C-alpha atoms as a PDB file:
ATOM      1  CA  UNK A   1      17.390  38.695  -5.107  1.00  0.00           C
ATOM      2  CA  UNK A   2      17.620  41.537  -2.646  1.00  0.00           C
ATOM      3  CA  UNK A   3      15.355  44.605  -2.753  1.00  0.00           C
ATOM      4  CA  UNK A   4      17.899  46.922  -4.407  1.00  0.00           C
ATOM      5  CA  UNK A   5      18.506  44.523  -7.254  1.00  0.00           C
ATOM      6  CA  UNK A   6      14.798  43.924  -7.707  1.00  0.00           C
ATOM      7  CA  UNK A   7      14.187  47.638  -7.836  1.00  0.00           C
ATOM      8  CA  UNK A   8      16.840  48.137 -10.522  1.00  0.00           C
ATOM      9  CA  UNK A   9      15.467  45.298 -12.588  1.00  0.00           C
ATOM     10  CA  UNK A  10      11.935  46.635 -12.352  1.00  0.00           C
ATOM     11  CA  UNK A  11      13.052  50.129 -13.320  1.00  0.00           C
ATOM     12  CA  UNK A  12      15.000  48.758 -16.292  1.00  0.00           C
ATOM     13  CA  UNK A  13      11.879  47.067 -17.654  1.00  0.00           C
ATOM     14  CA  UNK A  14      10.015  50.385 -17.709  1.00  0.00           C
ATOM     15  CA  UNK A  15      13.030  52.505 -18.730  1.00  0.00           C
ATOM     16  CA  UNK A  16      12.550  52.188 -22.456  1.00  0.00           C
ATOM     17  CA  UNK A  17      12.936  54.823 -25.136  1.00  0.00           C
ATOM     18  CA  UNK A  18       9.180  55.081 -25.495  1.00  0.00           C
ATOM     19  CA  UNK A  19       8.795  55.595 -21.745  1.00  0.00           C
ATOM     20  CA  UNK A  20      11.387  58.372 -21.757  1.00  0.00           C
ATOM     21  CA  UNK A  21       9.751  60.076 -24.696  1.00  0.00           C
ATOM     22  CA  UNK A  22       6.354  59.941 -22.948  1.00  0.00           C
ATOM     23  CA  UNK A  23       7.895  61.353 -19.774  1.00  0.00           C
ATOM     24  CA  UNK A  24       9.461  64.217 -21.732  1.00  0.00           C
ATOM     25  CA  UNK A  25       6.124  64.940 -23.446  1.00  0.00           C
ATOM     26  CA  UNK A  26       4.401  65.154 -20.053  1.00  0.00           C
ATOM     27  CA  UNK A  27       7.185  67.412 -18.787  1.00  0.00           C
ATOM     28  CA  UNK A  28       6.903  69.891 -21.671  1.00  0.00           C
ATOM     29  CA  UNK A  29       3.094  70.017 -21.715  1.00  0.00           C
ATOM     30  CA  UNK A  30       2.542  70.135 -17.952  1.00  0.00           C
ATOM     31  CA  UNK A  31       0.309  72.980 -16.789  1.00  0.00           C
ATOM     32  CA  UNK A  32      -0.565  73.897 -13.235  1.00  0.00           C
ATOM     33  CA  UNK A  33      -4.291  73.532 -12.548  1.00  0.00           C
ATOM     34  CA  UNK A  34      -6.174  76.419 -10.899  1.00  0.00           C
ATOM     35  CA  UNK A  35      -5.904  76.179  -7.139  1.00  0.00           C
ATOM     36  CA  UNK A  36      -2.974  73.770  -7.301  1.00  0.00           C
ATOM     37  CA  UNK A  37      -0.089  74.286  -4.889  1.00  0.00           C
ATOM     38  CA  UNK A  38       3.015  75.391  -6.872  1.00  0.00           C
ATOM     39  CA  UNK A  39       5.200  72.995  -4.869  1.00  0.00           C
ATOM     40  CA  UNK A  40       3.017  70.041  -5.935  1.00  0.00           C
ATOM     41  CA  UNK A  41       3.221  71.123  -9.566  1.00  0.00           C
ATOM     42  CA  UNK A  42       7.007  71.441  -9.293  1.00  0.00           C
ATOM     43  CA  UNK A  43       7.309  67.954  -7.782  1.00  0.00           C
ATOM     44  CA  UNK A  44       5.477  66.516 -10.808  1.00  0.00           C
ATOM     45  CA  UNK A  45       7.884  68.304 -13.142  1.00  0.00           C
ATOM     46  CA  UNK A  46      10.868  66.854 -11.312  1.00  0.00           C
ATOM     47  CA  UNK A  47       9.474  63.344 -11.571  1.00  0.00           C
ATOM     48  CA  UNK A  48       8.804  63.634 -15.305  1.00  0.00           C
ATOM     49  CA  UNK A  49      12.217  65.163 -16.059  1.00  0.00           C
ATOM     50  CA  UNK A  50      14.119  62.588 -14.023  1.00  0.00           C
ATOM     51  CA  UNK A  51      12.211  59.860 -15.827  1.00  0.00           C
ATOM     52  CA  UNK A  52      12.911  61.356 -19.259  1.00  0.00           C
ATOM     53  CA  UNK A  53      16.569  62.298 -18.664  1.00  0.00           C
ATOM     54  CA  UNK A  54      17.912  60.349 -15.700  1.00  0.00           C
ATOM     55  CA  UNK A  55      21.582  61.221 -16.312  1.00  0.00           C
ATOM     56  CA  UNK A  56      21.153  64.958 -16.771  1.00  0.00           C
ATOM     57  CA  UNK A  57      23.767  67.197 -15.107  1.00  0.00           C
ATOM     58  CA  UNK A  58      22.747  69.530 -12.303  1.00  0.00           C
ATOM     59  CA  UNK A  59      23.001  72.869 -14.131  1.00  0.00           C
ATOM     60  CA  UNK A  60      20.995  71.660 -17.118  1.00  0.00           C
ATOM     61  CA  UNK A  61      18.391  70.075 -14.856  1.00  0.00           C
ATOM     62  CA  UNK A  62      18.071  73.340 -12.917  1.00  0.00           C
ATOM     63  CA  UNK A  63      17.575  75.373 -16.104  1.00  0.00           C
ATOM     64  CA  UNK A  64      14.994  73.014 -17.603  1.00  0.00           C
ATOM     65  CA  UNK A  65      12.976  72.842 -14.390  1.00  0.00           C
ATOM     66  CA  UNK A  66      13.058  76.615 -13.956  1.00  0.00           C
ATOM     67  CA  UNK A  67      11.967  77.315 -17.548  1.00  0.00           C
ATOM     68  CA  UNK A  68       9.183  74.740 -17.584  1.00  0.00           C
ATOM     69  CA  UNK A  69       7.897  75.750 -14.170  1.00  0.00           C
ATOM     70  CA  UNK A  70       7.497  79.385 -15.259  1.00  0.00           C
ATOM     71  CA  UNK A  71       5.905  78.223 -18.515  1.00  0.00           C
ATOM     72  CA  UNK A  72       3.467  75.883 -16.793  1.00  0.00           C
ATOM     73  CA  UNK A  73       1.964  78.167 -14.153  1.00  0.00           C
ATOM     74  CA  UNK A  74      -0.957  80.541 -14.833  1.00  0.00           C
ATOM     75  CA  UNK A  75      -0.061  83.368 -17.273  1.00  0.00           C
ATOM     76  CA  UNK A  76      -0.332  86.166 -14.706  1.00  0.00           C
ATOM     77  CA  UNK A  77       1.820  84.302 -12.205  1.00  0.00           C
ATOM     78  CA  UNK A  78       4.294  83.346 -14.947  1.00  0.00           C
ATOM     79  CA  UNK A  79       4.739  87.005 -15.926  1.00  0.00           C
ATOM     80  CA  UNK A  80       5.587  87.899 -12.333  1.00  0.00           C
ATOM     81  CA  UNK A  81       8.091  85.052 -12.093  1.00  0.00           C
ATOM     82  CA  UNK A  82       9.787  86.083 -15.343  1.00  0.00           C
ATOM     83  CA  UNK A  83      10.170  89.606 -13.996  1.00  0.00           C
ATOM     84  CA  UNK A  84      11.661  88.238 -10.776  1.00  0.00           C
ATOM     85  CA  UNK A  85      14.141  86.112 -12.709  1.00  0.00           C
ATOM     86  CA  UNK A  86      15.156  89.089 -14.853  1.00  0.00           C
ATOM     87  CA  UNK A  87      16.068  91.167 -11.798  1.00  0.00           C
ATOM     88  CA  UNK A  88      18.464  88.605 -10.366  1.00  0.00           C
ATOM     89  CA  UNK A  89      19.617  85.019 -10.211  1.00  0.00           C
ATOM     90  CA  UNK A  90      17.055  82.842  -8.453  1.00  0.00           C
ATOM     91  CA  UNK A  91      17.463  79.199  -7.623  1.00  0.00           C
ATOM     92  CA  UNK A  92      14.649  76.973  -8.774  1.00  0.00           C
ATOM     93  CA  UNK A  93      13.733  76.310  -5.156  1.00  0.00           C
ATOM     94  CA  UNK A  94      13.515  80.043  -4.469  1.00  0.00           C
ATOM     95  CA  UNK A  95      11.431  80.467  -7.621  1.00  0.00           C
ATOM     96  CA  UNK A  96       8.931  77.858  -6.413  1.00  0.00           C
ATOM     97  CA  UNK A  97       8.747  79.496  -2.985  1.00  0.00           C
ATOM     98  CA  UNK A  98       8.117  82.894  -4.591  1.00  0.00           C
ATOM     99  CA  UNK A  99       5.394  81.405  -6.791  1.00  0.00           C
ATOM    100  CA  UNK A 100       3.630  80.043  -3.727  1.00  0.00           C
ATOM    101  CA  UNK A 101       3.755  83.430  -1.988  1.00  0.00           C
ATOM    102  CA  UNK A 102       2.386  85.195  -5.065  1.00  0.00           C
ATOM    103  CA  UNK A 103      -0.366  82.609  -5.491  1.00  0.00           C
ATOM    104  CA  UNK A 104      -1.486  83.031  -1.877  1.00  0.00           C
ATOM    105  CA  UNK A 105      -1.425  86.862  -1.998  1.00  0.00           C
ATOM    106  CA  UNK A 106      -4.762  87.303  -3.884  1.00  0.00           C
ATOM    107  CA  UNK A 107      -6.519  85.009  -1.391  1.00  0.00           C
ATOM    108  CA  UNK A 108      -5.142  86.959   1.556  1.00  0.00           C
ATOM    109  CA  UNK A 109      -6.168  90.231  -0.111  1.00  0.00           C
ATOM    110  CA  UNK A 110      -9.659  88.865  -0.798  1.00  0.00           C
ATOM    111  CA  UNK A 111     -10.033  87.741   2.804  1.00  0.00           C
ATOM    112  CA  UNK A 112      -8.857  91.161   3.995  1.00  0.00           C
ATOM    113  CA  UNK A 113     -11.415  92.872   1.749  1.00  0.00           C
ATOM    114  CA  UNK A 114     -14.136  90.549   3.036  1.00  0.00           C
ATOM    115  CA  UNK A 115     -13.180  91.365   6.619  1.00  0.00           C
ATOM    116  CA  UNK A 116     -13.274  95.106   5.883  1.00  0.00           C
ATOM    117  CA  UNK A 117     -16.630  94.701   4.130  1.00  0.00           C
ATOM    118  CA  UNK A 118     -18.051  92.776   7.096  1.00  0.00           C
ATOM    119  CA  UNK A 119     -16.712  95.453   9.448  1.00  0.00           C
ATOM    120  CA  UNK A 120     -18.300  98.221   7.354  1.00  0.00           C
ATOM    121  CA  UNK A 121     -21.674  96.468   7.321  1.00  0.00           C
ATOM    122  CA  UNK A 122     -21.488  95.952  11.078  1.00  0.00           C
ATOM    123  CA  UNK A 123     -20.657  99.650  11.612  1.00  0.00           C
ATOM    124  CA  UNK A 124     -23.628 100.696   9.484  1.00  0.00           C
ATOM    125  CA  UNK A 125     -25.942  98.364  11.388  1.00  0.00           C
ATOM    126  CA  UNK A 126     -24.733  99.828  14.688  1.00  0.00           C
ATOM    127  CA  UNK A 127     -25.320 103.387  13.437  1.00  0.00           C
ATOM    128  CA  UNK A 128     -28.836 102.476  12.283  1.00  0.00           C
ATOM    129  CA  UNK A 129     -29.577 100.974  15.700  1.00  0.00           C
ATOM    130  CA  UNK A 130     -28.282 104.109  17.434  1.00  0.00           C
ATOM    131  CA  UNK A 131     -30.370 106.396  15.218  1.00  0.00           C
ATOM    132  CA  UNK A 132     -33.451 104.245  15.852  1.00  0.00           C
ATOM    133  CA  UNK A 133     -32.938 104.486  19.606  1.00  0.00           C
ATOM    134  CA  UNK A 134     -32.416 108.259  19.409  1.00  0.00           C
ATOM    135  CA  UNK A 135     -35.573 108.690  17.325  1.00  0.00           C
ATOM    136  CA  UNK A 136     -37.585 106.623  19.816  1.00  0.00           C
ATOM    137  CA  UNK A 137     -36.231 108.755  22.685  1.00  0.00           C
ATOM    138  CA  UNK A 138     -37.183 111.964  20.852  1.00  0.00           C
ATOM    139  CA  UNK A 139     -40.717 110.690  20.251  1.00  0.00           C
ATOM    140  CA  UNK A 140     -41.076 109.680  23.905  1.00  0.00           C
ATOM    141  CA  UNK A 141     -39.844 113.084  25.084  1.00  0.00           C
ATOM    142  CA  UNK A 142     -42.181 114.830  22.645  1.00  0.00           C
ATOM    143  CA  UNK A 143     -45.189 112.912  23.963  1.00  0.00           C
ATOM    144  CA  UNK A 144     -44.179 113.603  27.565  1.00  0.00           C
ATOM    145  CA  UNK A 145     -43.762 117.296  26.837  1.00  0.00           C
ATOM    146  CA  UNK A 146     -47.155 117.396  25.103  1.00  0.00           C
ATOM    147  CA  UNK A 147     -48.821 115.890  28.183  1.00  0.00           C
ATOM    148  CA  UNK A 148     -47.214 118.342  30.613  1.00  0.00           C
ATOM    149  CA  UNK A 149     -47.304 121.521  28.500  1.00  0.00           C
ATOM    150  CA  UNK A 150     -50.230 123.925  28.229  1.00  0.00           C
ATOM    151  CA  UNK A 151     -51.750 125.513  25.175  1.00  0.00           C
ATOM    152  CA  UNK A 152     -51.033 129.245  24.909  1.00  0.00           C
ATOM    153  CA  UNK A 153     -54.408 129.728  23.243  1.00  0.00           C
ATOM    154  CA  UNK A 154     -56.879 128.120  25.656  1.00  0.00           C
ATOM    155  CA  UNK A 155     -54.659 127.409  28.670  1.00  0.00           C
ATOM    156  CA  UNK A 156     -55.568 123.705  28.719  1.00  0.00           C
ATOM    157  CA  UNK A 157     -52.870 120.988  29.054  1.00  0.00           C
ATOM    158  CA  UNK A 158     -52.207 118.145  26.641  1.00  0.00           C
ATOM    159  CA  UNK A 159     -51.714 120.005  23.369  1.00  0.00           C
ATOM    160  CA  UNK A 160     -50.025 123.016  21.785  1.00  0.00           C
ATOM    161  CA  UNK A 161     -51.392 126.195  20.268  1.00  0.00           C
ATOM    162  CA  UNK A 162     -51.332 124.927  16.678  1.00  0.00           C
ATOM    163  CA  UNK A 163     -53.249 121.818  17.794  1.00  0.00           C
ATOM    164  CA  UNK A 164     -55.871 123.700  19.813  1.00  0.00           C
ATOM    165  CA  UNK A 165     -59.430 122.485  19.052  1.00  0.00           C
ATOM    166  CA  UNK A 166     -60.885 125.885  19.917  1.00  0.00           C
ATOM    167  CA  UNK A 167     -61.144 128.260  17.017  1.00  0.00           C
ATOM    168  CA  UNK A 168     -62.673 131.374  18.592  1.00  0.00           C
ATOM    169  CA  UNK A 169     -60.147 134.121  19.388  1.00  0.00           C
ATOM    170  CA  UNK A 170     -59.282 134.927  22.963  1.00  0.00           C
ATOM    171  CA  UNK A 171     -60.149 138.225  24.629  1.00  0.00           C
ATOM    172  CA  UNK A 172     -56.968 139.993  25.757  1.00  0.00           C
ATOM    173  CA  UNK A 173     -56.845 143.131  27.959  1.00  0.00           C
ATOM    174  CA  UNK A 174     -60.453 143.957  27.218  1.00  0.00           C
ATOM    175  CA  UNK A 175     -62.825 145.571  29.746  1.00  0.00           C
ATOM    176  CA  UNK A 176     -65.871 143.363  30.357  1.00  0.00           C
ATOM    177  CA  UNK A 177     -68.871 145.251  31.699  1.00  0.00           C
ATOM    178  CA  UNK A 178     -71.757 143.239  33.110  1.00  0.00           C
ATOM    179  CA  UNK A 179     -74.673 145.342  34.430  1.00  0.00           C
ATOM    180  CA  UNK A 180     -76.231 142.203  35.909  1.00  0.00           C
ATOM    181  CA  UNK A 181     -73.460 142.063  38.525  1.00  0.00           C
ATOM    182  CA  UNK A 182     -73.902 145.358  40.462  1.00  0.00           C
ATOM    183  CA  UNK A 183     -71.506 145.831  43.308  1.00  0.00           C
ATOM    184  CA  UNK A 184     -68.916 143.377  41.893  1.00  0.00           C
ATOM    185  CA  UNK A 185     -65.377 143.741  40.601  1.00  0.00           C
ATOM    186  CA  UNK A 186     -64.864 141.707  37.408  1.00  0.00           C
ATOM    187  CA  UNK A 187     -61.223 140.878  36.591  1.00  0.00           C
ATOM    188  CA  UNK A 188     -60.119 139.914  33.084  1.00  0.00           C
ATOM    189  CA  UNK A 189     -56.739 138.896  31.779  1.00  0.00           C
ATOM    190  CA  UNK A 190     -54.752 141.678  33.403  1.00  0.00           C
ATOM    191  CA  UNK A 191     -56.844 144.489  34.877  1.00  0.00           C
ATOM    192  CA  UNK A 192     -59.718 145.257  37.318  1.00  0.00           C
ATOM    193  CA  UNK A 193     -62.928 146.491  35.776  1.00  0.00           C
ATOM    194  CA  UNK A 194     -65.744 147.607  38.195  1.00  0.00           C
ATOM    195  CA  UNK A 195     -65.820 148.463  41.903  1.00  0.00           C
ATOM    196  CA  UNK A 196     -68.663 149.249  44.368  1.00  0.00           C
ATOM    197  CA  UNK A 197     -69.495 148.828  48.052  1.00  0.00           C
ATOM    198  CA  UNK A 198     -69.816 145.308  49.451  1.00  0.00           C
ATOM    199  CA  UNK A 199     -68.287 142.452  51.371  1.00  0.00           C
ATOM    200  CA  UNK A 200     -65.391 140.574  49.828  1.00  0.00           C
ATOM    201  CA  UNK A 201     -66.417 137.343  48.069  1.00  0.00           C
ATOM    202  CA  UNK A 202     -64.867 135.321  45.248  1.00  0.00           C
ATOM    203  CA  UNK A 203     -66.357 133.443  42.312  1.00  0.00           C
ATOM    204  CA  UNK A 204     -65.148 132.261  38.883  1.00  0.00           C
ATOM    205  CA  UNK A 205     -66.914 131.827  35.580  1.00  0.00           C
ATOM    206  CA  UNK A 206     -65.626 130.119  32.428  1.00  0.00           C
ATOM    207  CA  UNK A 207     -66.723 131.634  29.155  1.00  0.00           C
ATOM    208  CA  UNK A 208     -67.606 129.488  26.128  1.00  0.00           C
ATOM    209  CA  UNK A 209     -64.228 130.252  24.578  1.00  0.00           C
ATOM    210  CA  UNK A 210     -62.398 128.627  27.497  1.00  0.00           C
ATOM    211  CA  UNK A 211     -61.423 131.957  29.124  1.00  0.00           C
ATOM    212  CA  UNK A 212     -61.855 132.339  32.915  1.00  0.00           C
ATOM    213  CA  UNK A 213     -63.103 135.544  34.616  1.00  0.00           C
ATOM    214  CA  UNK A 214     -62.849 136.118  38.356  1.00  0.00           C
ATOM    215  CA  UNK A 215     -65.736 137.938  40.072  1.00  0.00           C
ATOM    216  CA  UNK A 216     -64.802 139.409  43.465  1.00  0.00           C
ATOM    217  CA  UNK A 217     -67.143 141.370  45.757  1.00  0.00           C
ATOM    218  CA  UNK A 218     -65.040 144.080  47.313  1.00  0.00           C
ATOM    219  CA  UNK A 219     -65.720 146.298  50.381  1.00  0.00           C
ATOM    220  CA  UNK A 220     -65.749 150.005  49.500  1.00  0.00           C
ATOM    221  CA  UNK A 221     -63.420 152.015  51.726  1.00  0.00           C
END
């Protein structure tokens, strides 16, 4: 017996009424599992229908496959396929192809959203890094300025007026008269105070409030 004859004989043994009824039951109750490829689900429907009704004409086969395919996919996908069929004549092959495109669309959208979310997080991290660097630069500049600036209150470097450790008020534009320095000119913040005969000499004295006075012996003309 050749292979073709053996194949026909083997098929005849399993091609009983009970087998056809079981194949039709599987065809009508078939449901596409979540994550299943629509083309794989459609191939199973074809196999069951051909087993149940091997002599079915082409038009009837096309209609049964189309109806059961739409019925067997997930409800949301089935509703979209019914709408597509209502707007025009679709071959069963085109219907399966459309189902695959619709099934893959949510995954592509999810991946796109994930990519946008990752991009947003990366942008925020970059902005935080930039702000951290700017804050560090401002602190460094502030410390450098504090070291090089002078206090307007005591005239000493390293701090500002509101940080000055000295609490006594400064003497501004006030005449200082010292009788213990006869013959000397005593200069304050902005003006000369006393004059008398003598030879020019210079000396400085720092008061307890941090203020400097210059004592200059000046020749009388």
